[in-house]
N, C-alpha and C. Protein backbone atom coordinates (compact mmCIF):
# COMPACT_ATOMS: atom_id res chain seq x y z
N MET A 1 -21.92 -11.99 -15.86
CA MET A 1 -20.72 -12.55 -15.28
C MET A 1 -19.72 -12.88 -16.38
N ALA A 2 -18.47 -12.86 -16.00
CA ALA A 2 -17.42 -13.09 -16.98
C ALA A 2 -16.91 -14.51 -16.98
N PHE A 3 -17.52 -15.40 -16.24
CA PHE A 3 -17.02 -16.77 -16.18
C PHE A 3 -17.97 -17.72 -16.90
N SER A 4 -17.45 -18.92 -17.22
CA SER A 4 -18.28 -19.97 -17.79
C SER A 4 -17.89 -21.28 -17.14
N LYS A 5 -18.76 -22.27 -17.23
CA LYS A 5 -18.49 -23.60 -16.69
C LYS A 5 -18.62 -24.59 -17.82
N GLN A 6 -17.58 -25.43 -18.00
CA GLN A 6 -17.56 -26.41 -19.07
C GLN A 6 -17.29 -27.79 -18.50
N THR A 7 -17.97 -28.80 -19.01
CA THR A 7 -17.75 -30.18 -18.56
C THR A 7 -16.53 -30.75 -19.25
N LEU A 8 -15.68 -31.40 -18.46
CA LEU A 8 -14.47 -32.02 -18.99
C LEU A 8 -14.70 -33.52 -19.16
N PRO A 9 -14.23 -34.11 -20.25
CA PRO A 9 -14.39 -35.55 -20.44
C PRO A 9 -13.31 -36.32 -19.70
N THR A 10 -13.47 -36.45 -18.38
CA THR A 10 -12.47 -37.17 -17.58
C THR A 10 -13.17 -38.24 -16.75
N ASN A 11 -12.38 -39.08 -16.14
CA ASN A 11 -12.93 -40.17 -15.34
C ASN A 11 -13.53 -39.70 -14.02
N ILE A 12 -13.28 -38.46 -13.61
CA ILE A 12 -13.90 -37.96 -12.39
C ILE A 12 -15.06 -37.01 -12.70
N GLY A 13 -15.37 -36.82 -13.96
CA GLY A 13 -16.51 -36.00 -14.35
C GLY A 13 -16.37 -34.56 -13.95
N SER A 14 -15.18 -34.02 -14.02
CA SER A 14 -14.92 -32.66 -13.59
C SER A 14 -15.42 -31.62 -14.57
N SER A 15 -15.49 -30.41 -14.08
CA SER A 15 -15.80 -29.24 -14.88
C SER A 15 -14.68 -28.24 -14.68
N VAL A 16 -14.61 -27.26 -15.53
CA VAL A 16 -13.63 -26.19 -15.36
C VAL A 16 -14.35 -24.85 -15.40
N ILE A 17 -14.05 -24.02 -14.41
CA ILE A 17 -14.56 -22.66 -14.39
C ILE A 17 -13.53 -21.83 -15.16
N VAL A 18 -13.98 -21.12 -16.19
CA VAL A 18 -13.11 -20.31 -17.04
C VAL A 18 -13.51 -18.85 -16.89
N ASP A 19 -12.55 -18.03 -16.46
CA ASP A 19 -12.77 -16.59 -16.32
C ASP A 19 -11.62 -15.90 -17.04
N GLU A 20 -11.88 -15.42 -18.23
CA GLU A 20 -10.81 -14.84 -19.04
C GLU A 20 -10.65 -13.34 -18.87
N LEU A 21 -11.36 -12.77 -17.91
CA LEU A 21 -11.21 -11.36 -17.58
C LEU A 21 -11.46 -11.19 -16.08
N ALA A 22 -10.67 -11.93 -15.28
CA ALA A 22 -10.86 -11.92 -13.83
C ALA A 22 -10.48 -10.56 -13.25
N ILE A 23 -11.33 -10.07 -12.35
CA ILE A 23 -11.09 -8.78 -11.70
C ILE A 23 -11.36 -8.90 -10.21
N SER A 24 -11.28 -7.76 -9.51
CA SER A 24 -11.45 -7.77 -8.06
C SER A 24 -12.91 -7.78 -7.63
N THR A 25 -13.84 -7.95 -8.54
CA THR A 25 -15.25 -8.13 -8.20
C THR A 25 -15.49 -9.61 -7.92
N ALA A 26 -16.15 -9.90 -6.82
CA ALA A 26 -16.39 -11.30 -6.44
C ALA A 26 -17.30 -12.01 -7.43
N GLN A 27 -16.94 -13.24 -7.75
CA GLN A 27 -17.78 -14.15 -8.52
C GLN A 27 -18.34 -15.14 -7.51
N ALA A 28 -19.65 -15.11 -7.31
CA ALA A 28 -20.27 -15.85 -6.21
C ALA A 28 -20.83 -17.19 -6.64
N ASN A 29 -20.56 -18.22 -5.84
CA ASN A 29 -21.17 -19.55 -5.97
C ASN A 29 -21.15 -20.04 -7.42
N VAL A 30 -19.99 -20.05 -8.02
CA VAL A 30 -19.86 -20.33 -9.45
C VAL A 30 -20.24 -21.76 -9.84
N ASN A 31 -20.30 -22.66 -8.87
CA ASN A 31 -20.72 -24.03 -9.17
C ASN A 31 -22.18 -24.27 -8.80
N GLY A 32 -22.81 -23.31 -8.16
CA GLY A 32 -24.18 -23.48 -7.74
C GLY A 32 -24.33 -24.42 -6.55
N GLY A 33 -23.28 -24.56 -5.77
CA GLY A 33 -23.28 -25.44 -4.60
C GLY A 33 -21.87 -25.93 -4.30
N ALA A 34 -21.79 -27.01 -3.56
CA ALA A 34 -20.49 -27.55 -3.15
C ALA A 34 -19.61 -27.90 -4.35
N ALA A 35 -18.30 -27.80 -4.15
CA ALA A 35 -17.34 -28.13 -5.20
C ALA A 35 -16.03 -28.57 -4.55
N THR A 36 -15.26 -29.34 -5.29
CA THR A 36 -13.92 -29.71 -4.87
C THR A 36 -12.95 -29.19 -5.92
N ILE A 37 -11.99 -28.38 -5.50
CA ILE A 37 -11.00 -27.81 -6.42
C ILE A 37 -9.86 -28.82 -6.60
N TYR A 38 -9.59 -29.21 -7.85
CA TYR A 38 -8.51 -30.14 -8.16
C TYR A 38 -7.32 -29.47 -8.84
N SER A 39 -7.56 -28.33 -9.47
CA SER A 39 -6.48 -27.65 -10.17
C SER A 39 -6.85 -26.19 -10.36
N VAL A 40 -5.84 -25.33 -10.30
CA VAL A 40 -6.01 -23.90 -10.55
C VAL A 40 -4.91 -23.47 -11.51
N MET A 41 -5.28 -22.75 -12.53
CA MET A 41 -4.29 -22.16 -13.43
C MET A 41 -4.59 -20.67 -13.56
N ILE A 42 -3.54 -19.87 -13.39
CA ILE A 42 -3.63 -18.42 -13.54
C ILE A 42 -2.71 -18.05 -14.68
N ASP A 43 -3.25 -17.36 -15.69
CA ASP A 43 -2.48 -16.97 -16.86
C ASP A 43 -2.35 -15.45 -16.90
N LEU A 44 -1.13 -14.97 -16.67
CA LEU A 44 -0.84 -13.53 -16.73
C LEU A 44 0.12 -13.21 -17.86
N THR A 45 0.15 -14.04 -18.89
CA THR A 45 1.10 -13.79 -19.98
C THR A 45 0.82 -12.48 -20.70
N GLU A 46 -0.42 -11.99 -20.63
CA GLU A 46 -0.76 -10.70 -21.25
C GLU A 46 -0.70 -9.55 -20.25
N ASN A 47 -0.28 -9.83 -19.02
CA ASN A 47 -0.18 -8.81 -17.98
C ASN A 47 1.22 -8.86 -17.41
N THR A 48 2.07 -7.97 -17.86
CA THR A 48 3.47 -7.94 -17.40
C THR A 48 3.69 -6.87 -16.33
N SER A 49 2.62 -6.25 -15.84
CA SER A 49 2.74 -5.16 -14.88
C SER A 49 2.84 -5.61 -13.43
N GLU A 50 2.01 -6.60 -13.02
CA GLU A 50 2.01 -7.00 -11.62
C GLU A 50 1.51 -8.43 -11.49
N GLY A 51 1.89 -9.07 -10.40
CA GLY A 51 1.37 -10.39 -10.07
C GLY A 51 0.00 -10.25 -9.43
N VAL A 52 -0.73 -11.37 -9.40
CA VAL A 52 -2.06 -11.35 -8.78
C VAL A 52 -2.27 -12.58 -7.91
N TYR A 53 -3.22 -12.45 -7.01
CA TYR A 53 -3.66 -13.54 -6.15
C TYR A 53 -5.09 -13.90 -6.51
N LEU A 54 -5.34 -15.19 -6.72
CA LEU A 54 -6.69 -15.71 -6.84
C LEU A 54 -7.08 -16.11 -5.43
N LYS A 55 -8.18 -15.54 -4.93
CA LYS A 55 -8.63 -15.80 -3.56
C LYS A 55 -9.96 -16.55 -3.61
N CYS A 56 -9.98 -17.73 -3.02
CA CYS A 56 -11.17 -18.59 -3.02
C CYS A 56 -11.77 -18.64 -1.63
N LYS A 57 -13.09 -18.60 -1.59
CA LYS A 57 -13.83 -18.63 -0.33
C LYS A 57 -14.87 -19.73 -0.38
N ASN A 58 -14.98 -20.51 0.70
CA ASN A 58 -15.98 -21.56 0.83
C ASN A 58 -17.27 -20.88 1.28
N ALA A 59 -18.00 -20.30 0.33
CA ALA A 59 -19.20 -19.53 0.64
C ALA A 59 -20.04 -19.36 -0.62
N THR A 60 -21.31 -19.07 -0.43
CA THR A 60 -22.19 -18.83 -1.58
C THR A 60 -22.13 -17.38 -2.03
N SER A 61 -21.48 -16.52 -1.23
CA SER A 61 -21.32 -15.11 -1.62
C SER A 61 -20.17 -14.50 -0.85
N ILE A 62 -19.72 -13.36 -1.33
CA ILE A 62 -18.71 -12.56 -0.63
C ILE A 62 -19.32 -11.18 -0.48
N ALA A 63 -19.73 -10.83 0.76
CA ALA A 63 -20.41 -9.57 1.00
C ALA A 63 -19.51 -8.37 0.73
N SER A 64 -18.24 -8.47 1.11
CA SER A 64 -17.30 -7.37 0.94
C SER A 64 -15.93 -7.93 0.60
N VAL A 65 -15.43 -7.62 -0.57
CA VAL A 65 -14.09 -8.07 -0.95
C VAL A 65 -13.05 -7.50 0.02
N ALA A 66 -13.25 -6.27 0.45
CA ALA A 66 -12.29 -5.60 1.35
C ALA A 66 -12.18 -6.31 2.70
N ALA A 67 -13.24 -6.99 3.15
CA ALA A 67 -13.23 -7.65 4.45
C ALA A 67 -13.15 -9.16 4.36
N CYS A 68 -13.05 -9.70 3.16
CA CYS A 68 -13.08 -11.16 2.97
C CYS A 68 -11.78 -11.81 3.42
N GLN A 69 -11.91 -12.84 4.26
CA GLN A 69 -10.77 -13.68 4.63
C GLN A 69 -10.81 -14.90 3.73
N PRO A 70 -9.93 -14.97 2.70
CA PRO A 70 -9.98 -16.12 1.79
C PRO A 70 -9.61 -17.42 2.50
N ASP A 71 -10.25 -18.50 2.09
CA ASP A 71 -9.90 -19.82 2.62
C ASP A 71 -8.65 -20.36 1.94
N HIS A 72 -8.49 -20.03 0.67
CA HIS A 72 -7.32 -20.45 -0.10
C HIS A 72 -6.95 -19.33 -1.05
N GLN A 73 -5.64 -19.14 -1.27
CA GLN A 73 -5.21 -18.16 -2.27
C GLN A 73 -4.02 -18.70 -3.03
N PHE A 74 -3.97 -18.32 -4.30
CA PHE A 74 -2.96 -18.81 -5.23
C PHE A 74 -2.33 -17.61 -5.92
N TYR A 75 -1.00 -17.59 -6.02
CA TYR A 75 -0.28 -16.45 -6.58
C TYR A 75 0.30 -16.77 -7.95
N CYS A 76 0.32 -15.75 -8.81
CA CYS A 76 0.98 -15.85 -10.11
C CYS A 76 1.77 -14.58 -10.35
N PRO A 77 3.08 -14.68 -10.65
CA PRO A 77 3.88 -13.49 -10.95
C PRO A 77 3.51 -12.88 -12.30
N ALA A 78 3.79 -11.61 -12.44
CA ALA A 78 3.52 -10.89 -13.68
C ALA A 78 4.16 -11.57 -14.88
N GLY A 79 3.44 -11.58 -16.00
CA GLY A 79 3.97 -12.09 -17.26
C GLY A 79 4.16 -13.59 -17.33
N SER A 80 3.57 -14.34 -16.43
CA SER A 80 3.78 -15.79 -16.42
C SER A 80 2.46 -16.54 -16.25
N THR A 81 2.58 -17.86 -16.22
CA THR A 81 1.44 -18.75 -15.97
C THR A 81 1.83 -19.68 -14.83
N MET A 82 0.91 -19.86 -13.88
CA MET A 82 1.14 -20.78 -12.77
C MET A 82 0.00 -21.78 -12.73
N GLN A 83 0.34 -23.04 -12.46
CA GLN A 83 -0.68 -24.05 -12.29
C GLN A 83 -0.45 -24.76 -10.97
N TYR A 84 -1.51 -24.90 -10.22
CA TYR A 84 -1.49 -25.61 -8.94
C TYR A 84 -2.36 -26.85 -9.09
N THR A 85 -1.83 -28.01 -8.73
CA THR A 85 -2.58 -29.25 -8.79
C THR A 85 -2.76 -29.77 -7.37
N ILE A 86 -4.00 -30.12 -7.04
CA ILE A 86 -4.35 -30.60 -5.71
C ILE A 86 -4.95 -31.99 -5.86
N PRO A 87 -4.13 -33.06 -5.83
CA PRO A 87 -4.62 -34.41 -6.10
C PRO A 87 -5.79 -34.84 -5.21
N GLY A 88 -5.76 -34.50 -3.92
CA GLY A 88 -6.85 -34.88 -3.02
C GLY A 88 -8.00 -33.90 -3.05
N GLY A 89 -7.79 -32.75 -3.66
CA GLY A 89 -8.82 -31.74 -3.79
C GLY A 89 -8.97 -30.86 -2.55
N LEU A 90 -9.48 -29.67 -2.75
CA LEU A 90 -9.83 -28.74 -1.68
C LEU A 90 -11.35 -28.67 -1.63
N GLU A 91 -11.92 -29.15 -0.54
CA GLU A 91 -13.38 -29.20 -0.41
C GLU A 91 -13.95 -27.81 -0.15
N MET A 92 -14.93 -27.45 -0.92
CA MET A 92 -15.70 -26.22 -0.71
C MET A 92 -17.13 -26.69 -0.48
N GLU A 93 -17.46 -27.04 0.76
CA GLU A 93 -18.72 -27.68 1.09
C GLU A 93 -19.94 -26.78 0.86
N THR A 94 -19.77 -25.48 1.04
CA THR A 94 -20.89 -24.54 0.92
C THR A 94 -21.05 -24.04 -0.51
N GLY A 95 -19.96 -23.60 -1.10
CA GLY A 95 -19.97 -23.08 -2.46
C GLY A 95 -18.60 -22.51 -2.77
N LEU A 96 -18.33 -22.27 -4.03
CA LEU A 96 -17.06 -21.70 -4.46
C LEU A 96 -17.28 -20.28 -4.96
N SER A 97 -16.75 -19.33 -4.20
CA SER A 97 -16.77 -17.93 -4.61
C SER A 97 -15.31 -17.47 -4.68
N TYR A 98 -15.01 -16.54 -5.58
CA TYR A 98 -13.62 -16.11 -5.72
C TYR A 98 -13.53 -14.68 -6.24
N TYR A 99 -12.33 -14.11 -6.13
CA TYR A 99 -11.99 -12.84 -6.76
C TYR A 99 -10.48 -12.78 -6.92
N VAL A 100 -10.00 -11.78 -7.65
CA VAL A 100 -8.58 -11.62 -7.94
C VAL A 100 -8.15 -10.23 -7.48
N SER A 101 -6.98 -10.15 -6.87
CA SER A 101 -6.44 -8.84 -6.51
C SER A 101 -4.91 -8.88 -6.55
N GLN A 102 -4.31 -7.70 -6.47
CA GLN A 102 -2.86 -7.62 -6.48
C GLN A 102 -2.24 -7.92 -5.11
N GLU A 103 -3.05 -7.81 -4.05
CA GLU A 103 -2.53 -8.00 -2.69
C GLU A 103 -2.97 -9.34 -2.11
N ALA A 104 -2.14 -9.87 -1.23
CA ALA A 104 -2.47 -11.12 -0.53
C ALA A 104 -3.36 -10.84 0.67
N GLY A 105 -4.05 -11.87 1.14
CA GLY A 105 -4.79 -11.79 2.38
C GLY A 105 -6.01 -10.91 2.37
N VAL A 106 -6.43 -10.52 3.56
CA VAL A 106 -7.62 -9.69 3.75
C VAL A 106 -7.34 -8.26 3.29
N GLY A 107 -8.32 -7.64 2.69
CA GLY A 107 -8.23 -6.23 2.35
C GLY A 107 -7.66 -5.93 0.98
N GLY A 108 -7.17 -6.92 0.27
CA GLY A 108 -6.63 -6.67 -1.06
C GLY A 108 -7.74 -6.46 -2.07
N THR A 109 -7.88 -5.26 -2.56
CA THR A 109 -8.97 -4.96 -3.49
C THR A 109 -8.50 -4.35 -4.80
N THR A 110 -7.18 -4.22 -4.99
CA THR A 110 -6.68 -3.59 -6.21
C THR A 110 -6.79 -4.57 -7.37
N ARG A 111 -7.60 -4.22 -8.34
CA ARG A 111 -7.81 -5.10 -9.49
C ARG A 111 -6.56 -5.14 -10.36
N PRO A 112 -6.37 -6.22 -11.11
CA PRO A 112 -5.24 -6.29 -12.04
C PRO A 112 -5.35 -5.17 -13.08
N SER A 113 -4.22 -4.59 -13.44
CA SER A 113 -4.25 -3.53 -14.46
C SER A 113 -4.29 -4.11 -15.87
N GLY A 114 -3.92 -5.39 -15.99
CA GLY A 114 -3.95 -6.07 -17.28
C GLY A 114 -4.85 -7.29 -17.22
N ILE A 115 -4.77 -8.11 -18.25
CA ILE A 115 -5.63 -9.30 -18.35
C ILE A 115 -5.14 -10.41 -17.44
N ALA A 116 -6.06 -10.96 -16.65
CA ALA A 116 -5.80 -12.12 -15.79
C ALA A 116 -6.82 -13.19 -16.17
N LYS A 117 -6.33 -14.34 -16.61
CA LYS A 117 -7.20 -15.46 -16.97
C LYS A 117 -7.11 -16.53 -15.89
N ILE A 118 -8.28 -17.03 -15.48
CA ILE A 118 -8.36 -17.99 -14.39
C ILE A 118 -9.07 -19.25 -14.89
N TYR A 119 -8.51 -20.41 -14.54
CA TYR A 119 -9.11 -21.70 -14.86
C TYR A 119 -9.10 -22.53 -13.58
N ILE A 120 -10.28 -22.96 -13.12
CA ILE A 120 -10.39 -23.74 -11.89
C ILE A 120 -11.08 -25.07 -12.22
N ALA A 121 -10.35 -26.17 -12.12
CA ALA A 121 -10.92 -27.50 -12.37
C ALA A 121 -11.57 -27.99 -11.09
N ILE A 122 -12.86 -28.35 -11.19
CA ILE A 122 -13.61 -28.77 -10.02
C ILE A 122 -14.30 -30.10 -10.25
N GLY A 123 -14.68 -30.73 -9.19
CA GLY A 123 -15.43 -31.97 -9.27
C GLY A 123 -16.57 -31.94 -8.30
């Protein structure tokens, strides 16, 4: 897998999921169980070709990226960095699985042509 989990020294004891080569292949249950998303950062500064969507699913796996209905999705335009902060958090009671594609919604399976870096702060 291309992601890692690091503990953050904060008062809520959060961790950050770091994926510095995010693609359209699903990363399943990256926290090993329930998680609350507090922040998402997508870095496309090295990818000036197209924007991407980070698609998150409250599940322990994603059987088919082509048929997956994401529970939450976050967009970042080409050549930029976007950060989303969710003070109350987004509950993922079952597990946190995700993937990245160029298209929004269901059926988007086109992987980024350049580097997409993903950072998800969880608690």
